[in-house]
C-alpha atoms as a PDB file:
ATOM      1  CA  MET A   1       3.165  29.389  87.231  1.00  0.00           C
ATOM      2  CA  ALA A   2      -0.395  30.578  87.744  1.00  0.00           C
ATOM      3  CA  LEU A   3      -3.306  28.181  87.939  1.00  0.00           C
ATOM      4  CA  ALA A   4      -4.907  29.774  84.860  1.00  0.00           C
ATOM      5  CA  ASP A   5      -1.758  29.034  82.818  1.00  0.00           C
ATOM      6  CA  SER A   6      -1.738  25.403  83.946  1.00  0.00           C
ATOM      7  CA  VAL A   7      -5.423  24.925  83.186  1.00  0.00           C
ATOM      8  CA  GLY A   8      -5.009  26.571  79.782  1.00  0.00           C
ATOM      9  CA  ARG A   9      -2.156  24.202  78.909  1.00  0.00           C
ATOM     10  CA  LEU A  10      -4.202  21.224  80.090  1.00  0.00           C
ATOM     11  CA  ASP A  11      -7.156  22.362  77.959  1.00  0.00           C
ATOM     12  CA  GLU A  12      -4.898  22.646  74.910  1.00  0.00           C
ATOM     13  CA  ALA A  13      -3.414  19.176  75.508  1.00  0.00           C
ATOM     14  CA  CYS A  14      -6.908  17.657  75.811  1.00  0.00           C
ATOM     15  CA  LEU A  15      -8.030  19.370  72.602  1.00  0.00           C
ATOM     16  CA  ARG A  16      -4.958  18.033  70.760  1.00  0.00           C
ATOM     17  CA  ALA A  17      -5.540  14.497  72.055  1.00  0.00           C
ATOM     18  CA  PHE A  18      -9.336  14.235  71.928  1.00  0.00           C
ATOM     19  CA  GLY A  19     -10.544  17.143  69.816  1.00  0.00           C
ATOM     20  CA  ARG A  20     -11.961  17.025  66.339  1.00  0.00           C
ATOM     21  CA  GLU A  21     -12.475  19.718  63.763  1.00  0.00           C
ATOM     22  CA  VAL A  22     -16.041  20.987  63.421  1.00  0.00           C
ATOM     23  CA  SER A  23     -17.563  23.717  61.294  1.00  0.00           C
ATOM     24  CA  TYR A  24     -18.787  26.721  63.276  1.00  0.00           C
ATOM     25  CA  THR A  25     -21.225  29.132  61.614  1.00  0.00           C
ATOM     26  CA  PRO A  26     -22.039  32.368  63.430  1.00  0.00           C
ATOM     27  CA  GLN A  27     -25.436  33.904  62.712  1.00  0.00           C
ATOM     28  CA  ALA A  28     -23.754  36.892  61.077  1.00  0.00           C
ATOM     29  CA  GLY A  29     -20.624  35.627  59.407  1.00  0.00           C
ATOM     30  CA  GLU A  30     -18.859  32.965  57.439  1.00  0.00           C
ATOM     31  CA  PRO A  31     -18.309  29.394  58.670  1.00  0.00           C
ATOM     32  CA  PHE A  32     -14.882  28.474  60.011  1.00  0.00           C
ATOM     33  CA  THR A  33     -13.235  25.412  61.489  1.00  0.00           C
ATOM     34  CA  VAL A  34     -12.647  25.075  65.207  1.00  0.00           C
ATOM     35  CA  THR A  35     -11.271  22.182  67.253  1.00  0.00           C
ATOM     36  CA  GLY A  36     -13.515  20.944  70.035  1.00  0.00           C
ATOM     37  CA  ILE A  37     -14.333  17.940  72.158  1.00  0.00           C
ATOM     38  CA  LEU A  38     -17.868  16.778  71.376  1.00  0.00           C
ATOM     39  CA  ASP A  39     -20.008  14.800  73.805  1.00  0.00           C
ATOM     40  CA  THR A  40     -23.283  13.718  72.179  1.00  0.00           C
ATOM     41  CA  GLY A  41     -26.484  12.477  73.771  1.00  0.00           C
ATOM     42  CA  VAL A  42     -25.747  14.102  77.095  1.00  0.00           C
ATOM     43  CA  ARG A  43     -29.348  15.029  77.811  1.00  0.00           C
ATOM     44  CA  PRO A  44     -32.246  13.265  76.096  1.00  0.00           C
ATOM     45  CA  GLU A  45     -35.265  15.268  75.070  1.00  0.00           C
ATOM     46  CA  GLU A  46     -38.843  14.070  75.248  1.00  0.00           C
ATOM     47  CA  ALA A  47     -39.845  15.551  71.879  1.00  0.00           C
ATOM     48  CA  ALA A  48     -38.493  13.828  68.787  1.00  0.00           C
ATOM     49  CA  PRO A  49     -36.122  14.348  67.157  1.00  0.00           C
ATOM     50  CA  GLY A  50     -34.260  15.700  70.085  1.00  0.00           C
ATOM     51  CA  ALA A  51     -30.813  15.387  71.494  1.00  0.00           C
ATOM     52  CA  TYR A  52     -28.415  17.669  73.263  1.00  0.00           C
ATOM     53  CA  ALA A  53     -24.653  17.656  72.966  1.00  0.00           C
ATOM     54  CA  LEU A  54     -21.787  19.550  74.567  1.00  0.00           C
ATOM     55  CA  LEU A  55     -18.815  21.014  72.731  1.00  0.00           C
ATOM     56  CA  PHE A  56     -15.733  22.094  74.676  1.00  0.00           C
ATOM     57  CA  VAL A  57     -13.626  24.744  72.915  1.00  0.00           C
ATOM     58  CA  ARG A  58     -11.193  27.513  73.799  1.00  0.00           C
ATOM     59  CA  ALA A  59     -12.484  31.101  73.685  1.00  0.00           C
ATOM     60  CA  ALA A  60      -9.280  32.130  71.889  1.00  0.00           C
ATOM     61  CA  ALA A  61     -10.391  30.090  68.844  1.00  0.00           C
ATOM     62  CA  PHE A  62     -13.107  32.659  68.100  1.00  0.00           C
ATOM     63  CA  ALA A  63     -12.630  36.110  66.559  1.00  0.00           C
ATOM     64  CA  GLN A  64     -16.091  37.039  67.922  1.00  0.00           C
ATOM     65  CA  PRO A  65     -17.572  35.354  70.987  1.00  0.00           C
ATOM     66  CA  PRO A  66     -19.943  32.467  70.204  1.00  0.00           C
ATOM     67  CA  ALA A  67     -23.634  33.209  70.683  1.00  0.00           C
ATOM     68  CA  ARG A  68     -26.940  31.422  71.091  1.00  0.00           C
ATOM     69  CA  GLY A  69     -28.368  30.605  67.672  1.00  0.00           C
ATOM     70  CA  ASP A  70     -25.005  29.953  66.006  1.00  0.00           C
ATOM     71  CA  GLU A  71     -24.639  26.565  64.311  1.00  0.00           C
ATOM     72  CA  VAL A  72     -22.114  23.758  64.633  1.00  0.00           C
ATOM     73  CA  THR A  73     -21.827  21.105  61.922  1.00  0.00           C
ATOM     74  CA  VAL A  74     -20.299  17.773  62.891  1.00  0.00           C
ATOM     75  CA  GLY A  75     -20.245  15.033  60.284  1.00  0.00           C
ATOM     76  CA  GLY A  76     -23.789  14.877  58.947  1.00  0.00           C
ATOM     77  CA  SER A  77     -25.460  16.700  61.851  1.00  0.00           C
ATOM     78  CA  VAL A  78     -26.175  20.384  62.418  1.00  0.00           C
ATOM     79  CA  TYR A  79     -26.615  21.640  65.974  1.00  0.00           C
ATOM     80  CA  LYS A  80     -27.781  25.029  67.280  1.00  0.00           C
ATOM     81  CA  VAL A  81     -25.973  26.670  70.184  1.00  0.00           C
ATOM     82  CA  VAL A  82     -28.601  26.993  72.923  1.00  0.00           C
ATOM     83  CA  ASP A  83     -26.400  27.945  75.880  1.00  0.00           C
ATOM     84  CA  LEU A  84     -22.800  28.834  76.705  1.00  0.00           C
ATOM     85  CA  GLU A  85     -20.788  28.329  79.869  1.00  0.00           C
ATOM     86  CA  ALA A  86     -17.371  29.946  80.244  1.00  0.00           C
ATOM     87  CA  ASP A  87     -14.692  29.217  82.799  1.00  0.00           C
ATOM     88  CA  ALA A  88     -12.164  31.694  84.148  1.00  0.00           C
ATOM     89  CA  GLU A  89      -9.272  30.055  82.278  1.00  0.00           C
ATOM     90  CA  GLY A  90     -10.569  30.552  78.717  1.00  0.00           C
ATOM     91  CA  GLY A  91     -12.550  27.364  78.217  1.00  0.00           C
ATOM     92  CA  LEU A  92     -16.056  27.391  76.781  1.00  0.00           C
ATOM     93  CA  ARG A  93     -18.693  24.700  77.006  1.00  0.00           C
ATOM     94  CA  LEU A  94     -21.306  25.132  74.306  1.00  0.00           C
ATOM     95  CA  VAL A  95     -24.645  23.420  74.892  1.00  0.00           C
ATOM     96  CA  LEU A  96     -25.913  22.255  71.510  1.00  0.00           C
ATOM     97  CA  HIS A  97     -29.300  21.020  70.368  1.00  0.00           C
ATOM     98  CA  PHE A  98     -29.679  18.790  67.322  1.00  0.00           C
ATOM     99  CA  ASN A  99     -31.224  20.894  64.565  1.00  0.00           C
ATOM    100  CA  ARG A 100     -31.129  18.796  61.389  1.00  0.00           C
ATOM    101  CA  ALA A 101     -29.185  16.320  59.338  1.00  0.00           C
ATOM    102  CA  VAL A 102     -27.128  17.671  56.452  1.00  0.00           C
END
């Protein structure tokens, strides 16, 4: 078994155990639901209101790759995607910035 296969299975198990459904809205497209692991308040911002969060997802969950400027809605909060970090095994870490309350 290749390392990539093992990491992919581990990612999927973590998403099943700790993930939650969030609404993902691409800039050009309709919103859809994706499962991700959200970590809020990871980097405070000096200007108010400001907060960063991270969302771990699998690249395979997206028909089109996520992009900066897309939006993620979690509960009553809307975040903008400000950066993306991909790993070689299909995981994506989206850096989110609090945009507004719903």
